[in-house]
Every structure is written in structure tokens, then in C-alpha cells.
Amino acid sequence: MLRGLLIDKVNQVWSTDITYIPMAKGFMYLVAVIDWHSRYVLSWELSNTVDTAFCIDALEKALDISTPEIFNTDQGAQFTSLSFTKVLLDKEIKISMDGRGRALDNIFVERLWRTVKYENIYMNEYQTVPELRSGLKRYFEFYNQERLHQSLGYKTPREVHFV
């Protein structure tokens, strides 16, 4: 659905994915919803399990802000589940799924994960979940409001998203 589509406005395409966050003892999972045009992180959630509920929580928080035309995900069980797709279909949002095993189809979220890990996670050896949650909250505020993006003409995601 997205191949060859010109992404030229906010809320045209959103995307989501889950990544693994190593901690001093154990690990957590992080899901985020990002706008493809502005790179703005609309919402994120942490969980110690890879269940559908925390993905739906992140989706619903993002939908409290706005609604995309298209929502892109990989073909993970959380995102293909009836409960997740129902939230999208009830809002008449078109669903786009990456090709199996094609992480580059979701390049903006993959790039976000690399940035979050190298600029925050790997530099802070988080000991507890509250510490991780607090650190990620600060980082995503920085990412959206202060971090300049070359691909956005050296603007922040917030500057592009809320024009």
C-alpha cells in the first residue's frame, strides 16, 4: 500500500513497532507510534511481556491526539490480532502491513529504535522499570521538542508536526 506513495503531510501515515530494551537486570519491551512525515513520537508504552494490550494502549493514546489515514505495522501477532486491528477499523483507518521479514519497510521506526538505544538506553544502565520509564519520558520529550533532524531540514519533529 505504501510503495511509491509520496508522504507529504502529517497524519498521512503512522507506524508502530516493538523493540527489546536491555536493563541492568532483565529487559523490557518498548512500543511506539510515530508519524512518518514529522517523525513525531505520538505515544509509547513499556511492558515486561510482548502482549497485545500494551500495543493497544499506545495506539489509543496516539489516537487521542489525532487520526492517521494509514497505519503501518509489521506482521507481528500483536498488530495482526483482532483486538488491535478492530481499533483501527472502527476509526476507518487503512491498515498497511510490511512484507514478512522486511524491517526496512518500517524504516522510520527502525531508525527511531537505533536513535533511542544509542542516545539513551546504552548510555544509561537503567536499574529499575520506574527509572527506565522516567528516562524514556525525558528522552522522548527531547526527541520531539529539541532534537533536530537533518531529514526535516534541521527542524524538530514537533516543529513539523504542529505547523
Protein backbone atom coordinates (compact mmCIF):
# COMPACT_ATOMS: atom_id res chain seq x y z
CA MET A 1 0.00 0.00 0.00
CA LEU A 2 2.83 2.42 0.79
CA ARG A 3 5.19 1.55 -2.05
CA GLY A 4 5.57 4.64 -4.24
CA LEU A 5 3.28 6.76 -2.03
CA LEU A 6 4.51 10.34 -1.52
CA ILE A 7 4.38 11.02 2.23
CA ASP A 8 3.96 14.79 2.33
CA LYS A 9 1.72 15.62 5.27
CA VAL A 10 1.21 14.97 8.96
CA ASN A 11 -1.23 12.19 9.89
CA GLN A 12 -0.97 10.64 6.44
CA VAL A 13 0.90 7.54 7.69
CA TRP A 14 1.63 6.40 11.22
CA SER A 15 3.69 3.39 12.12
CA THR A 16 4.44 1.23 15.13
CA ASP A 17 6.87 -1.44 16.23
CA ILE A 18 8.21 -3.15 19.34
CA THR A 19 11.82 -3.25 20.47
CA TYR A 20 13.71 -5.03 23.23
CA ILE A 21 15.25 -2.79 25.94
CA PRO A 22 18.12 -4.33 27.95
CA MET A 23 18.37 -3.30 31.59
CA ALA A 24 20.94 -3.95 34.33
CA LYS A 25 18.83 -6.96 35.35
CA GLY A 26 16.44 -8.29 32.76
CA PHE A 27 14.74 -6.46 29.95
CA MET A 28 11.54 -4.68 28.92
CA TYR A 29 9.69 -4.20 25.66
CA LEU A 30 9.01 -0.77 24.20
CA VAL A 31 6.33 0.05 21.63
CA ALA A 32 5.96 3.47 19.99
CA VAL A 33 3.67 5.12 17.46
CA ILE A 34 5.39 7.57 15.10
CA ASP A 35 4.16 9.90 12.35
CA TRP A 36 6.11 9.20 9.14
CA HIS A 37 6.10 12.76 7.84
CA SER A 38 7.16 14.59 11.01
CA ARG A 39 8.93 11.71 12.83
CA TYR A 40 6.93 12.84 15.88
CA VAL A 41 6.55 10.12 18.54
CA LEU A 42 2.84 10.29 19.32
CA SER A 43 2.90 7.71 22.12
CA TRP A 44 4.90 4.90 23.67
CA GLU A 45 4.44 2.18 26.27
CA LEU A 46 6.61 -0.29 28.19
CA SER A 47 5.80 -3.88 29.12
CA ASN A 48 7.62 -6.90 30.51
CA THR A 49 5.69 -9.12 28.07
CA VAL A 50 5.07 -8.84 24.34
CA ASP A 51 1.31 -8.80 24.61
CA THR A 52 -1.29 -7.01 22.53
CA ALA A 53 -2.65 -4.92 25.42
CA PHE A 54 0.32 -2.57 25.72
CA CYS A 55 0.32 -2.08 21.94
CA ILE A 56 -3.36 -1.14 22.04
CA ASP A 57 -2.66 1.24 24.95
CA ALA A 58 -0.02 3.03 22.84
CA LEU A 59 -2.34 3.13 19.81
CA GLU A 60 -5.24 4.55 21.81
CA LYS A 61 -3.02 7.24 23.36
CA ALA A 62 -1.88 8.27 19.88
CA LEU A 63 -5.48 8.30 18.63
CA ASP A 64 -6.34 10.70 21.48
CA ILE A 65 -4.06 13.20 19.67
CA SER A 66 -5.23 12.69 16.09
CA THR A 67 -6.09 10.05 13.47
CA PRO A 68 -3.96 8.89 10.53
CA GLU A 69 -5.18 7.97 7.08
CA ILE A 70 -2.96 4.85 7.05
CA PHE A 71 -1.44 2.82 9.89
CA ASN A 72 1.62 0.72 9.04
CA THR A 73 2.97 -2.22 11.07
CA ASP A 74 4.96 -5.37 10.61
CA GLN A 75 3.10 -8.67 10.62
CA GLY A 76 3.69 -9.34 14.31
CA ALA A 77 0.97 -11.20 16.20
CA GLN A 78 0.18 -8.14 18.34
CA PHE A 79 -0.53 -5.98 15.26
CA THR A 80 -2.46 -8.59 13.28
CA SER A 81 -4.66 -9.53 16.25
CA LEU A 82 -8.39 -8.94 16.01
CA SER A 83 -8.36 -6.59 19.01
CA PHE A 84 -5.62 -4.36 17.55
CA THR A 85 -7.00 -4.20 14.01
CA LYS A 86 -10.52 -3.56 15.35
CA VAL A 87 -9.35 -0.29 16.94
CA LEU A 88 -8.06 0.84 13.52
CA LEU A 89 -11.05 -0.39 11.51
CA ASP A 90 -13.52 1.21 13.94
CA LYS A 91 -11.85 4.56 13.13
CA GLU A 92 -11.85 3.77 9.38
CA ILE A 93 -8.04 3.82 9.25
CA LYS A 94 -6.46 1.92 6.36
CA ILE A 95 -4.11 -0.84 7.51
CA SER A 96 -0.77 -1.40 5.78
CA MET A 97 1.48 -4.34 6.68
CA ASP A 98 5.16 -4.71 5.86
CA GLY A 99 6.34 -7.65 3.81
CA ARG A 100 7.36 -10.59 6.01
CA GLY A 101 10.90 -10.16 7.31
CA ARG A 102 11.26 -6.72 5.69
CA ALA A 103 12.22 -4.38 8.55
CA LEU A 104 13.20 -1.69 6.06
CA ASP A 105 9.53 -1.33 5.10
CA ASN A 106 9.18 0.31 8.53
CA ILE A 107 12.39 2.30 8.27
CA PHE A 108 11.27 5.32 10.32
CA VAL A 109 10.51 3.24 13.41
CA GLU A 110 13.68 1.17 12.93
CA ARG A 111 15.66 4.43 12.78
CA LEU A 112 13.88 5.65 15.92
CA TRP A 113 14.93 2.48 17.77
CA ARG A 114 18.55 2.94 16.77
CA THR A 115 18.48 6.57 17.89
CA VAL A 116 16.78 5.82 21.24
CA LYS A 117 19.19 3.00 22.02
CA TYR A 118 22.39 4.82 21.09
CA GLU A 119 21.43 8.22 22.51
CA ASN A 120 19.70 7.00 25.66
CA ILE A 121 19.46 3.29 26.53
CA TYR A 122 23.10 2.28 26.04
CA MET A 123 24.33 5.42 27.83
CA ASN A 124 22.19 4.77 30.92
CA GLU A 125 22.32 1.45 32.68
CA TYR A 126 18.74 1.54 33.93
CA GLN A 127 18.33 -0.45 37.14
CA THR A 128 14.55 -0.36 37.61
CA VAL A 129 11.42 -0.04 35.49
CA PRO A 130 10.43 3.33 37.06
CA GLU A 131 13.94 4.61 36.28
CA LEU A 132 13.64 3.38 32.67
CA ARG A 133 10.15 4.87 32.30
CA SER A 134 11.34 8.24 33.63
CA GLY A 135 14.43 8.20 31.40
CA LEU A 136 12.39 7.37 28.30
CA LYS A 137 9.84 10.08 29.11
CA ARG A 138 12.63 12.67 29.26
CA TYR A 139 14.25 11.30 26.11
CA PHE A 140 11.05 11.31 24.02
CA GLU A 141 10.33 14.88 25.14
CA PHE A 142 13.85 15.82 23.99
CA TYR A 143 13.45 13.84 20.75
CA ASN A 144 10.14 15.52 19.84
CA GLN A 145 10.87 19.04 21.06
CA GLU A 146 14.62 19.63 20.78
CA ARG A 147 16.37 17.05 18.61
CA LEU A 148 16.99 18.44 15.13
CA HIS A 149 16.56 16.07 12.18
CA GLN A 150 18.56 16.52 9.01
CA SER A 151 15.73 14.87 7.04
CA LEU A 152 13.33 17.53 8.38
CA GLY A 153 15.51 20.43 7.26
CA TYR A 154 17.10 20.70 10.72
CA LYS A 155 13.74 21.14 12.43
CA THR A 156 12.37 19.17 15.36
CA PRO A 157 9.54 16.66 14.95
CA ARG A 158 7.31 19.00 16.98
CA GLU A 159 8.02 21.95 14.66
CA VAL A 160 6.97 19.87 11.65
CA HIS A 161 4.06 18.06 13.28
CA PHE A 162 2.30 21.09 14.75
CA VAL A 163 2.75 23.60 11.91
